[in-house]
Amino acid sequence: MMSVVHRLTAGWLVDHLSFINQCGYEICDSFAHPGGVTHSTSVTSTENYYSISTFAATPSSSGGPPYDPGDVVEAEGKRTKMRYVFREEFFDISKPHIAAACEEQPCQGCPEVSLTGIKANSNREEYQEGAKSDTGDSFAIARKKRKRKCVFNQGELDALEYHSNVRKLILEGTLHLVQEGLKSGFLHHTTAKPSSRKNNVPQHIVCGLAELCEMAKQFPAVDESDHQAVHVLEEEISRAEQDLLSCVTENSSNCAKIIVLMGQKYLVPPKSSFLLSDISCLQPLLNYKKRYDVIVIDPPWENKSVKRSNRYSHLSSWQIKQIPVPALAAPNCLVVTWVTNRQKHLHFVKDELYPHWSVKTLAEWHWVKITTAGEFVLPLDSLHKKPYEVLVLGRFQGHAKEALRKSECVLPIPEHQLIVSIPCSLHSHKPPLAVLAEFIKPDVECLELFARNLQPGWTSWGNEVLKFQHIDYFTLLQKEN
């Protein structure tokens, strides 16, 4: 897997940008009539995608002039090629978001977090506040209100305890992988001036996919008896919104395609399929009649910052439990769920959600976010946000007889691994889990739920499933006839 830069016992150092560019998107199926103008409608990969693993990737390319995706290409009876790559400035994370003490970086040693000391301080502050409140002094009450912010509640104490248990694994494992990355040159210390390139997203990219899903509820009901379960992309580039939302859209060719939705262009990778809908309209995915060997889930967890920002909608625990994973899972399906650092959500997945779906918890892995210089993007011991996220891996236990018959094909999952990468600066653009290829048999069916981008060889579902496929996230690398 060429998106994996280094593989050590602790885990992997991976190149997210390389994975995105694995197809080397080339528009090359366009033929122009003499003196005419050609609109390119499909994108072919530089190699047959299935000559490599579903999870594999080739090294990334970079650079290239800016390009207006609305442009047309003039040619006289010639095949025109246009190669797109993801805009590399979205991965230009050269400095930590918040400066950390040097001992908290992977290149340094660091003392253990003293949870006992934190609890003692918390209890002492609570005692002091109680004493002040008895005085009835308004000044003391004001001080109490200010100091209350420093007292840890039970959820925060649970998070600190969890962090103290995984901290050494994360620090030491990341240190070893970063050292390898620095040796190979993939990671590098830089004293160069900050890039002048802007990574601001043009406003028109914010094109309301979630709002479209809400609008779809007002469309006339579809007659299931005579409605197709899948729409295969041909050469057309424009899709009616109702068609797009009422069935799975599939690109079964070795070429990527461009589709137009609400006047916006999106790149659809080869050998990929997707359903754009919200959780109330999952039936088309069930009508697709596929059972998946890998299901990756990135739920929109409910939390205070999400409520305040109103950045995207969130789901309650009850709503997440209603996702029909058992109906979508093949025997022995590997289920992987992204979890925030709130212990409430982690316990919910392991103690409620997975048992409800007949999934047995196998492991907890961590995605560790670093800069191009190998530093944590946030202080490791930050009380607000951590430079890592949790993945809970489990095995579907349903379809018992068939699962037992196929159990000899199941590969063991390590209890703990690290996936270390430079994160994308776009909100919630998770790295693809290419590393799962080590533990999965070839030619498996893969599904991502709550996806915001597409992958070759995968089915993806979500109300923003095309978000990061918008053509303005890509750059025209080269154009030739």
Protein backbone atom coordinates (compact mmCIF):
# COMPACT_ATOMS: atom_id res chain seq x y z
CA MET A 1 0.00 0.00 0.00
CA MET A 2 1.84 3.05 -1.22
CA SER A 3 -0.24 5.41 0.93
CA VAL A 4 1.53 3.77 3.87
CA VAL A 5 4.85 5.56 4.26
CA HIS A 6 6.13 3.46 7.14
CA ARG A 7 4.86 0.37 8.97
CA LEU A 8 6.13 -0.40 12.47
CA THR A 9 4.87 -2.56 15.30
CA ALA A 10 3.03 0.42 16.80
CA GLY A 11 1.12 1.23 13.62
CA TRP A 12 1.42 3.19 10.39
CA LEU A 13 2.58 6.56 9.15
CA VAL A 14 0.24 7.24 6.22
CA ASP A 15 -0.01 9.82 3.44
CA HIS A 16 -3.64 10.93 3.21
CA LEU A 17 -3.03 13.20 0.22
CA SER A 18 -1.38 10.36 -1.68
CA PHE A 19 -4.42 8.18 -1.14
CA ILE A 20 -6.80 10.79 -2.52
CA ASN A 21 -4.67 11.13 -5.64
CA GLN A 22 -4.32 7.39 -6.15
CA CYS A 23 -6.39 7.38 -9.34
CA GLY A 24 -4.54 10.25 -10.99
CA TYR A 25 -7.83 11.63 -12.28
CA GLU A 26 -7.50 12.13 -16.02
CA ILE A 27 -10.28 13.42 -18.21
CA CYS A 28 -9.50 11.66 -21.44
CA ASP A 29 -12.74 10.37 -22.96
CA SER A 30 -13.55 13.61 -24.75
CA PHE A 31 -13.48 13.84 -28.51
CA ALA A 32 -13.95 17.16 -30.21
CA HIS A 33 -15.31 17.65 -33.65
CA PRO A 34 -13.19 19.75 -36.01
CA GLY A 35 -13.54 23.35 -34.99
CA GLY A 36 -15.88 22.40 -32.19
CA VAL A 37 -15.83 22.66 -28.42
CA THR A 38 -15.77 19.64 -26.13
CA HIS A 39 -17.24 19.30 -22.65
CA SER A 40 -15.32 16.62 -20.74
CA THR A 41 -17.64 14.25 -18.93
CA SER A 42 -15.49 11.41 -17.65
CA VAL A 43 -12.19 10.95 -15.93
CA THR A 44 -10.08 7.87 -16.33
CA SER A 45 -7.37 6.69 -13.99
CA THR A 46 -3.76 6.39 -15.07
CA GLU A 47 -4.00 2.66 -14.46
CA ASN A 48 -6.80 0.16 -14.14
CA TYR A 49 -7.90 0.60 -10.56
CA TYR A 50 -8.40 -3.08 -9.99
CA SER A 51 -4.80 -3.84 -10.86
CA ILE A 52 -4.13 -2.67 -7.31
CA SER A 53 -5.83 -3.30 -4.00
CA THR A 54 -9.09 -1.58 -3.11
CA PHE A 55 -7.16 0.06 -0.28
CA ALA A 56 -3.94 0.85 -2.17
CA ALA A 57 -2.62 4.22 -3.25
CA THR A 58 0.10 5.74 -5.38
CA PRO A 59 2.38 8.64 -4.42
CA SER A 60 0.80 12.06 -4.53
CA SER A 61 1.43 14.68 -7.15
CA SER A 62 1.40 18.36 -6.50
CA GLY A 63 1.53 21.72 -8.11
CA GLY A 64 -0.13 22.80 -11.30
CA PRO A 65 -1.85 25.93 -12.44
CA PRO A 66 -5.24 26.98 -11.13
CA TYR A 67 -8.14 25.91 -13.30
CA ASP A 68 -11.74 26.89 -13.64
CA PRO A 69 -13.70 23.62 -13.78
CA GLY A 70 -16.32 25.36 -15.85
CA ASP A 71 -13.85 25.87 -18.69
CA VAL A 72 -14.21 23.91 -21.91
CA VAL A 73 -11.47 22.47 -24.06
CA GLU A 74 -11.12 23.29 -27.72
CA ALA A 75 -9.64 20.55 -29.90
CA GLU A 76 -9.84 19.34 -33.45
CA GLY A 77 -10.64 15.64 -33.53
CA LYS A 78 -8.13 14.85 -30.78
CA ARG A 79 -8.40 13.09 -27.44
CA THR A 80 -7.95 15.62 -24.66
CA LYS A 81 -6.51 14.69 -21.28
CA MET A 82 -6.92 16.66 -18.09
CA ARG A 83 -5.43 15.35 -14.89
CA TYR A 84 -6.80 16.50 -11.54
CA VAL A 85 -5.17 16.23 -8.12
CA PHE A 86 -6.48 17.24 -4.71
CA ARG A 87 -5.29 20.69 -3.66
CA GLU A 88 -2.20 20.07 -1.57
CA GLU A 89 -2.54 23.31 0.41
CA PHE A 90 -5.28 21.62 2.42
CA PHE A 91 -2.54 19.37 3.88
CA ASP A 92 -0.01 22.14 4.50
CA ILE A 93 -0.07 21.78 8.29
CA SER A 94 3.44 23.00 9.12
CA LYS A 95 2.82 24.27 12.64
CA PRO A 96 0.75 23.05 15.61
CA HIS A 97 -2.66 24.67 16.02
CA ILE A 98 -1.68 25.45 19.62
CA ALA A 99 1.95 25.61 20.74
CA ALA A 100 2.82 22.83 23.18
CA ALA A 101 5.59 22.44 25.70
CA CYS A 102 8.55 20.71 24.06
CA GLU A 103 8.21 17.70 26.38
CA GLU A 104 4.75 17.02 24.95
CA GLN A 105 6.04 16.51 21.40
CA PRO A 106 6.93 13.10 19.93
CA CYS A 107 10.61 14.02 19.76
CA GLN A 108 10.86 14.50 23.53
CA GLY A 109 10.32 12.50 26.69
CA CYS A 110 7.43 13.49 28.91
CA PRO A 111 6.37 12.75 32.51
CA GLU A 112 3.16 10.85 33.16
CA VAL A 113 -0.05 12.74 33.82
CA SER A 114 -0.89 12.60 37.52
CA LEU A 115 -4.59 11.79 37.65
CA THR A 116 -4.42 11.54 41.45
CA GLY A 117 -3.07 15.08 41.64
CA ILE A 118 -5.78 16.38 39.32
CA LYS A 119 -8.49 14.73 41.42
CA ALA A 120 -6.97 16.14 44.60
CA ASN A 121 -6.90 19.64 43.15
CA SER A 122 -10.47 19.25 41.96
CA ASN A 123 -11.67 18.10 45.39
CA ARG A 124 -9.75 20.87 47.12
CA GLU A 125 -11.36 23.52 44.91
CA GLU A 126 -14.79 22.05 45.58
CA TYR A 127 -14.15 22.23 49.32
CA GLN A 128 -12.95 25.82 49.06
CA GLU A 129 -16.01 26.83 47.08
CA GLY A 130 -18.32 25.20 49.64
CA ALA A 131 -16.66 27.11 52.45
CA LYS A 132 -17.01 30.41 50.63
CA SER A 133 -20.65 29.86 49.79
CA ASP A 134 -21.49 29.63 53.49
CA THR A 135 -20.29 33.18 54.15
CA GLY A 136 -23.01 34.72 52.04
CA ASP A 137 -20.51 37.30 50.86
CA SER A 138 -21.36 38.44 47.34
CA PHE A 139 -17.68 38.82 46.48
CA ALA A 140 -17.00 35.26 47.55
CA ILE A 141 -19.94 34.05 45.46
CA ALA A 142 -18.55 35.84 42.41
CA ARG A 143 -15.17 34.23 42.98
CA LYS A 144 -16.91 30.88 43.34
CA LYS A 145 -18.56 31.27 39.95
CA ARG A 146 -15.23 32.06 38.35
CA LYS A 147 -13.43 29.16 40.00
CA ARG A 148 -16.17 26.66 39.16
CA LYS A 149 -14.77 26.54 35.64
CA CYS A 150 -11.63 24.90 37.04
CA VAL A 151 -13.46 22.01 38.71
CA PHE A 152 -13.52 18.75 36.73
CA ASN A 153 -16.84 17.00 36.37
CA GLN A 154 -17.09 13.22 36.27
CA GLY A 155 -16.98 13.05 32.47
CA GLU A 156 -13.78 15.10 32.41
CA LEU A 157 -12.21 12.93 35.10
CA ASP A 158 -13.12 9.81 33.10
CA ALA A 159 -11.48 11.36 30.03
CA LEU A 160 -8.34 12.15 32.01
CA GLU A 161 -8.18 8.59 33.27
CA TYR A 162 -8.57 7.21 29.75
CA HIS A 163 -5.86 9.57 28.49
CA SER A 164 -3.48 8.47 31.23
CA ASN A 165 -3.99 4.85 30.16
CA VAL A 166 -3.30 5.39 26.45
CA ARG A 167 -0.83 8.26 26.68
CA LYS A 168 2.34 6.20 26.74
CA LEU A 169 1.23 4.04 23.80
CA ILE A 170 0.41 7.13 21.75
CA LEU A 171 3.53 9.10 22.66
CA GLU A 172 6.05 6.29 22.19
CA GLY A 173 4.40 4.83 19.08
CA THR A 174 4.15 8.23 17.43
CA LEU A 175 7.77 8.99 18.34
CA HIS A 176 9.01 5.89 16.51
CA LEU A 177 6.90 6.54 13.42
CA VAL A 178 7.87 10.23 13.31
CA GLN A 179 11.56 9.30 13.56
CA GLU A 180 11.17 7.03 10.53
CA GLY A 181 9.31 9.77 8.67
CA LEU A 182 12.08 12.29 9.37
CA LYS A 183 14.76 9.82 8.26
CA SER A 184 13.01 9.12 4.97
CA GLY A 185 12.26 12.79 4.30
CA PHE A 186 8.48 12.39 4.26
CA LEU A 187 8.42 14.58 7.38
CA HIS A 188 10.78 17.52 7.55
CA HIS A 189 11.68 20.42 9.78
CA THR A 190 11.30 23.65 7.88
CA THR A 191 12.37 27.24 8.46
CA ALA A 192 10.76 28.47 5.26
CA LYS A 193 8.36 31.38 5.34
CA PRO A 194 4.67 30.45 5.51
CA SER A 195 3.13 29.76 2.15
CA SER A 196 1.24 32.63 0.56
CA ARG A 197 -1.26 30.22 -0.96
CA LYS A 198 -4.78 30.52 0.33
CA ASN A 199 -6.66 27.41 1.36
CA ASN A 200 -9.92 29.25 1.80
CA VAL A 201 -12.78 27.41 0.20
CA PRO A 202 -14.68 29.46 -2.40
CA GLN A 203 -18.11 30.29 -1.06
CA HIS A 204 -19.98 28.50 -3.82
CA ILE A 205 -18.55 25.15 -2.64
CA VAL A 206 -20.88 25.40 0.33
CA CYS A 207 -23.68 24.06 -1.81
CA GLY A 208 -26.25 22.72 0.62
CA LEU A 209 -26.19 18.95 0.13
CA ALA A 210 -27.80 18.43 3.53
CA GLU A 211 -30.48 20.97 2.64
CA LEU A 212 -31.12 19.08 -0.60
CA CYS A 213 -31.74 15.92 1.42
CA GLU A 214 -34.33 17.82 3.44
CA MET A 215 -35.96 19.05 0.24
CA ALA A 216 -36.11 15.48 -1.04
CA LYS A 217 -38.65 14.61 1.63
CA GLN A 218 -41.10 16.82 -0.25
CA PHE A 219 -40.64 14.94 -3.53
CA PRO A 220 -43.48 12.64 -4.66
CA ALA A 221 -43.21 9.11 -3.27
CA VAL A 222 -41.44 6.61 -5.50
CA ASP A 223 -43.21 3.39 -6.48
CA GLU A 224 -40.78 0.74 -5.20
CA SER A 225 -42.25 -1.99 -7.43
CA ASP A 226 -41.11 -0.42 -10.69
CA HIS A 227 -38.27 1.81 -9.49
CA GLN A 228 -34.68 0.85 -10.23
CA ALA A 229 -32.48 0.19 -7.19
CA VAL A 230 -29.33 1.53 -8.85
CA HIS A 231 -28.52 4.13 -11.47
CA VAL A 232 -25.33 3.43 -13.46
CA LEU A 233 -23.50 6.54 -14.57
CA GLU A 234 -23.08 6.82 -18.30
CA GLU A 235 -21.69 9.78 -20.19
CA GLU A 236 -24.24 12.33 -19.06
CA ILE A 237 -23.04 14.85 -16.53
CA SER A 238 -26.31 16.23 -15.22
CA ARG A 239 -28.59 14.35 -12.86
CA ALA A 240 -32.09 15.18 -11.72
CA GLU A 241 -32.06 15.70 -7.97
CA GLN A 242 -34.96 13.30 -7.43
CA ASP A 243 -33.17 10.52 -9.37
CA LEU A 244 -29.98 11.06 -7.40
CA LEU A 245 -31.74 10.85 -4.04
CA SER A 246 -34.03 7.90 -4.77
CA CYS A 247 -31.49 5.21 -5.63
CA VAL A 248 -27.83 4.28 -5.35
CA THR A 249 -25.69 5.90 -8.03
CA GLU A 250 -22.96 3.64 -9.35
CA ASN A 251 -19.88 4.26 -11.46
CA SER A 252 -18.95 0.73 -12.53
CA SER A 253 -16.39 1.77 -15.15
CA ASN A 254 -12.62 2.12 -14.85
CA CYS A 255 -13.06 5.84 -15.48
CA ALA A 256 -14.14 8.49 -13.03
CA LYS A 257 -17.12 10.62 -14.00
CA ILE A 258 -18.21 14.19 -13.48
CA ILE A 259 -21.77 14.82 -12.39
CA VAL A 260 -23.56 18.14 -12.05
CA LEU A 261 -25.92 18.69 -9.14
CA MET A 262 -27.61 22.02 -8.49
CA GLY A 263 -25.14 23.63 -10.88
CA GLN A 264 -22.09 22.24 -9.04
CA LYS A 265 -19.62 19.69 -10.42
CA TYR A 266 -18.45 16.62 -8.50
CA LEU A 267 -15.86 13.96 -9.37
CA VAL A 268 -17.03 10.36 -8.93
CA PRO A 269 -14.11 7.87 -8.72
CA PRO A 270 -14.05 4.64 -10.74
CA LYS A 271 -15.65 1.52 -9.26
CA SER A 272 -17.52 3.54 -6.64
CA SER A 273 -21.16 3.97 -5.67
CA PHE A 274 -23.02 6.32 -3.39
CA LEU A 275 -26.38 7.31 -1.95
CA LEU A 276 -27.06 10.94 -1.09
CA SER A 277 -29.75 10.97 1.61
CA ASP A 278 -30.30 11.47 5.31
CA ILE A 279 -31.00 8.83 7.93
CA SER A 280 -34.74 8.89 7.22
CA CYS A 281 -34.18 7.74 3.61
CA LEU A 282 -31.96 4.67 3.90
CA GLN A 283 -34.26 2.29 2.02
CA PRO A 284 -32.48 2.73 -1.36
CA LEU A 285 -29.28 1.46 0.29
CA LEU A 286 -31.12 -1.63 1.52
CA ASN A 287 -32.66 -2.08 -1.94
CA TYR A 288 -29.12 -2.20 -3.34
CA LYS A 289 -29.05 -5.73 -1.86
CA LYS A 290 -25.38 -5.85 -0.96
CA ARG A 291 -23.85 -7.26 2.20
CA TYR A 292 -20.65 -5.62 3.29
CA ASP A 293 -17.47 -7.15 4.74
CA VAL A 294 -16.26 -3.80 6.09
CA ILE A 295 -18.50 -1.02 7.44
CA VAL A 296 -16.88 2.25 8.57
CA ILE A 297 -19.12 4.65 10.52
CA ASP A 298 -18.39 8.29 11.36
CA PRO A 299 -21.51 9.41 13.27
CA PRO A 300 -22.28 13.11 13.79
CA TRP A 301 -21.95 12.86 17.56
CA GLU A 302 -23.91 15.24 19.73
CA ASN A 303 -21.75 17.60 21.80
CA LYS A 304 -21.74 21.18 23.07
CA SER A 305 -19.35 22.57 20.45
CA VAL A 306 -21.47 21.12 17.62
CA LYS A 307 -24.59 22.70 19.11
CA ARG A 308 -22.87 26.07 19.44
CA SER A 309 -21.28 26.10 16.00
CA ASN A 310 -24.33 24.76 14.15
CA ARG A 311 -21.76 23.47 11.63
CA TYR A 312 -23.62 20.26 10.94
CA SER A 313 -26.58 18.39 12.32
CA HIS A 314 -26.05 15.79 15.01
CA LEU A 315 -27.83 12.58 15.93
CA SER A 316 -28.88 11.31 19.32
CA SER A 317 -27.69 7.94 20.58
CA TRP A 318 -31.15 6.54 19.95
CA GLN A 319 -31.05 7.64 16.31
CA ILE A 320 -27.63 6.11 15.75
CA LYS A 321 -28.89 2.78 17.12
CA GLN A 322 -31.59 2.75 14.42
CA ILE A 323 -29.03 2.46 11.59
CA PRO A 324 -29.70 -1.01 10.10
CA VAL A 325 -26.13 -2.30 10.36
CA PRO A 326 -27.24 -5.94 10.84
CA ALA A 327 -29.18 -5.75 7.56
CA LEU A 328 -26.12 -4.39 5.75
CA ALA A 329 -23.41 -6.56 7.31
CA ALA A 330 -22.06 -9.77 5.80
CA PRO A 331 -21.08 -12.62 8.14
CA ASN A 332 -18.00 -11.66 10.20
CA CYS A 333 -18.22 -8.08 8.93
CA LEU A 334 -15.56 -5.80 10.40
CA VAL A 335 -17.32 -2.74 11.88
CA VAL A 336 -15.21 0.36 12.56
CA THR A 337 -16.68 3.40 14.34
CA TRP A 338 -15.02 6.79 14.74
CA VAL A 339 -15.55 8.15 18.26
CA THR A 340 -14.82 11.56 19.75
CA ASN A 341 -12.75 11.80 22.92
CA ARG A 342 -15.86 12.02 25.10
CA GLN A 343 -15.97 8.91 27.27
CA LYS A 344 -19.75 8.99 27.16
CA HIS A 345 -19.64 8.19 23.43
CA LEU A 346 -16.92 5.57 23.77
CA HIS A 347 -18.87 3.71 26.46
CA PHE A 348 -22.04 4.00 24.39
CA VAL A 349 -20.40 2.33 21.38
CA LYS A 350 -18.85 -0.51 23.37
CA ASP A 351 -21.62 -1.14 25.90
CA GLU A 352 -24.82 -0.27 23.99
CA LEU A 353 -24.41 0.28 20.27
CA TYR A 354 -22.28 -2.73 19.36
CA PRO A 355 -24.30 -5.20 21.49
CA HIS A 356 -27.49 -3.79 19.94
CA TRP A 357 -26.05 -4.54 16.47
CA SER A 358 -24.66 -7.96 17.53
CA VAL A 359 -21.11 -6.64 17.15
CA LYS A 360 -18.33 -7.86 19.45
CA THR A 361 -15.71 -5.23 20.35
CA LEU A 362 -12.21 -6.30 19.30
CA ALA A 363 -9.88 -3.30 19.58
CA GLU A 364 -9.39 0.42 20.05
CA TRP A 365 -7.07 2.18 17.63
CA HIS A 366 -6.06 5.82 17.53
CA TRP A 367 -5.64 8.28 14.69
CA VAL A 368 -2.83 10.67 15.68
CA LYS A 369 -2.63 14.04 13.92
CA ILE A 370 0.82 15.56 13.34
CA THR A 371 2.36 18.45 11.41
CA THR A 372 4.70 18.13 8.43
CA ALA A 373 7.54 18.44 10.98
CA GLY A 374 6.22 15.54 13.07
CA GLU A 375 4.78 17.57 15.96
CA PHE A 376 1.37 16.91 17.49
CA VAL A 377 -1.13 19.39 16.04
CA LEU A 378 -2.39 20.01 19.60
CA PRO A 379 -0.68 19.54 22.97
CA LEU A 380 -0.89 15.87 23.91
CA ASP A 381 -2.11 16.73 27.41
CA SER A 382 -4.51 19.48 26.38
CA LEU A 383 -7.63 19.43 28.55
CA HIS A 384 -9.81 20.84 25.76
CA LYS A 385 -8.91 18.87 22.64
CA LYS A 386 -6.51 16.03 22.01
CA PRO A 387 -4.34 15.44 18.93
CA TYR A 388 -5.90 12.00 18.50
CA GLU A 389 -9.25 10.36 17.84
CA VAL A 390 -10.49 6.88 18.67
CA LEU A 391 -11.59 4.07 16.37
CA VAL A 392 -13.51 1.15 17.88
CA LEU A 393 -13.21 -2.05 15.85
CA GLY A 394 -15.67 -4.91 16.22
CA ARG A 395 -16.84 -8.08 14.48
CA PHE A 396 -20.46 -8.67 13.47
CA GLN A 397 -21.74 -11.84 15.17
CA GLY A 398 -25.03 -12.22 13.30
CA HIS A 399 -25.83 -14.91 10.70
CA ALA A 400 -24.21 -17.41 13.08
CA LYS A 401 -24.20 -20.51 10.87
CA GLU A 402 -22.74 -18.73 7.85
CA ALA A 403 -20.28 -16.84 10.04
CA LEU A 404 -18.99 -20.11 11.54
CA ARG A 405 -18.53 -21.57 8.07
CA LYS A 406 -16.48 -18.58 6.96
CA SER A 407 -14.56 -18.08 10.22
CA GLU A 408 -11.38 -19.60 8.80
CA CYS A 409 -11.13 -16.58 6.46
CA VAL A 410 -11.16 -14.09 9.33
CA LEU A 411 -7.81 -12.50 10.15
CA PRO A 412 -7.07 -11.43 13.76
CA ILE A 413 -7.26 -7.72 14.62
CA PRO A 414 -4.48 -6.22 16.81
CA GLU A 415 -5.74 -4.82 20.10
CA HIS A 416 -4.08 -1.44 19.61
CA GLN A 417 -2.59 0.34 16.59
CA LEU A 418 -1.79 3.92 15.64
CA ILE A 419 -2.64 5.61 12.35
CA VAL A 420 -0.38 8.67 12.23
CA SER A 421 -0.91 11.27 9.50
CA ILE A 422 -0.91 14.93 8.56
CA PRO A 423 -4.61 15.86 8.77
CA CYS A 424 -6.58 17.70 6.14
CA SER A 425 -7.44 21.26 7.20
CA LEU A 426 -11.00 20.77 5.93
CA HIS A 427 -13.32 20.02 8.81
CA SER A 428 -13.99 16.31 9.41
CA HIS A 429 -12.08 15.00 6.39
CA LYS A 430 -10.98 11.72 7.96
CA PRO A 431 -8.10 9.68 6.52
CA PRO A 432 -9.17 6.63 4.49
CA LEU A 433 -8.56 3.39 6.35
CA ALA A 434 -6.27 1.86 3.75
CA VAL A 435 -4.38 0.06 6.52
CA LEU A 436 -7.33 -2.31 7.00
CA ALA A 437 -6.09 -4.13 3.90
CA GLU A 438 -3.70 -6.08 6.13
CA PHE A 439 -6.65 -7.69 7.91
CA ILE A 440 -9.15 -8.08 5.07
CA LYS A 441 -9.32 -10.63 2.29
CA PRO A 442 -9.08 -9.26 -1.29
CA ASP A 443 -12.15 -8.17 -3.24
CA VAL A 444 -14.36 -7.43 -0.24
CA GLU A 445 -17.43 -5.20 -0.27
CA CYS A 446 -16.87 -2.00 1.74
CA LEU A 447 -19.35 0.59 3.01
CA GLU A 448 -18.87 3.98 4.68
CA LEU A 449 -21.77 5.51 6.58
CA PHE A 450 -21.95 9.29 7.14
CA ALA A 451 -19.30 9.69 4.44
CA ARG A 452 -18.26 13.08 3.08
CA ASN A 453 -16.17 11.75 0.20
CA LEU A 454 -16.04 8.76 -2.15
CA GLN A 455 -13.46 6.01 -2.58
CA PRO A 456 -12.89 3.59 -5.45
CA GLY A 457 -14.16 0.15 -4.52
CA TRP A 458 -16.49 1.49 -1.81
CA THR A 459 -20.17 2.29 -1.39
CA SER A 460 -20.67 5.56 0.50
CA TRP A 461 -23.77 7.00 2.15
CA GLY A 462 -24.54 10.30 3.85
CA ASN A 463 -26.31 13.61 3.49
CA GLU A 464 -22.99 15.23 2.49
CA VAL A 465 -21.54 12.23 0.69
CA LEU A 466 -20.27 14.33 -2.25
CA LYS A 467 -18.93 17.20 -0.15
CA PHE A 468 -15.19 16.67 -0.70
CA GLN A 469 -15.70 15.47 -4.27
CA HIS A 470 -16.52 19.02 -5.36
CA ILE A 471 -14.29 19.80 -8.32
CA ASP A 472 -13.02 23.03 -6.73
CA TYR A 473 -11.18 20.97 -4.11
CA PHE A 474 -9.07 19.68 -7.00
CA THR A 475 -6.45 21.33 -9.20
CA LEU A 476 -5.78 20.75 -12.90
CA LEU A 477 -2.28 19.34 -12.87
CA GLN A 478 -1.76 18.97 -16.59
CA LYS A 479 -3.59 19.30 -19.88
CA GLU A 480 -2.47 17.64 -23.07
CA ASN A 481 -3.80 16.49 -26.41
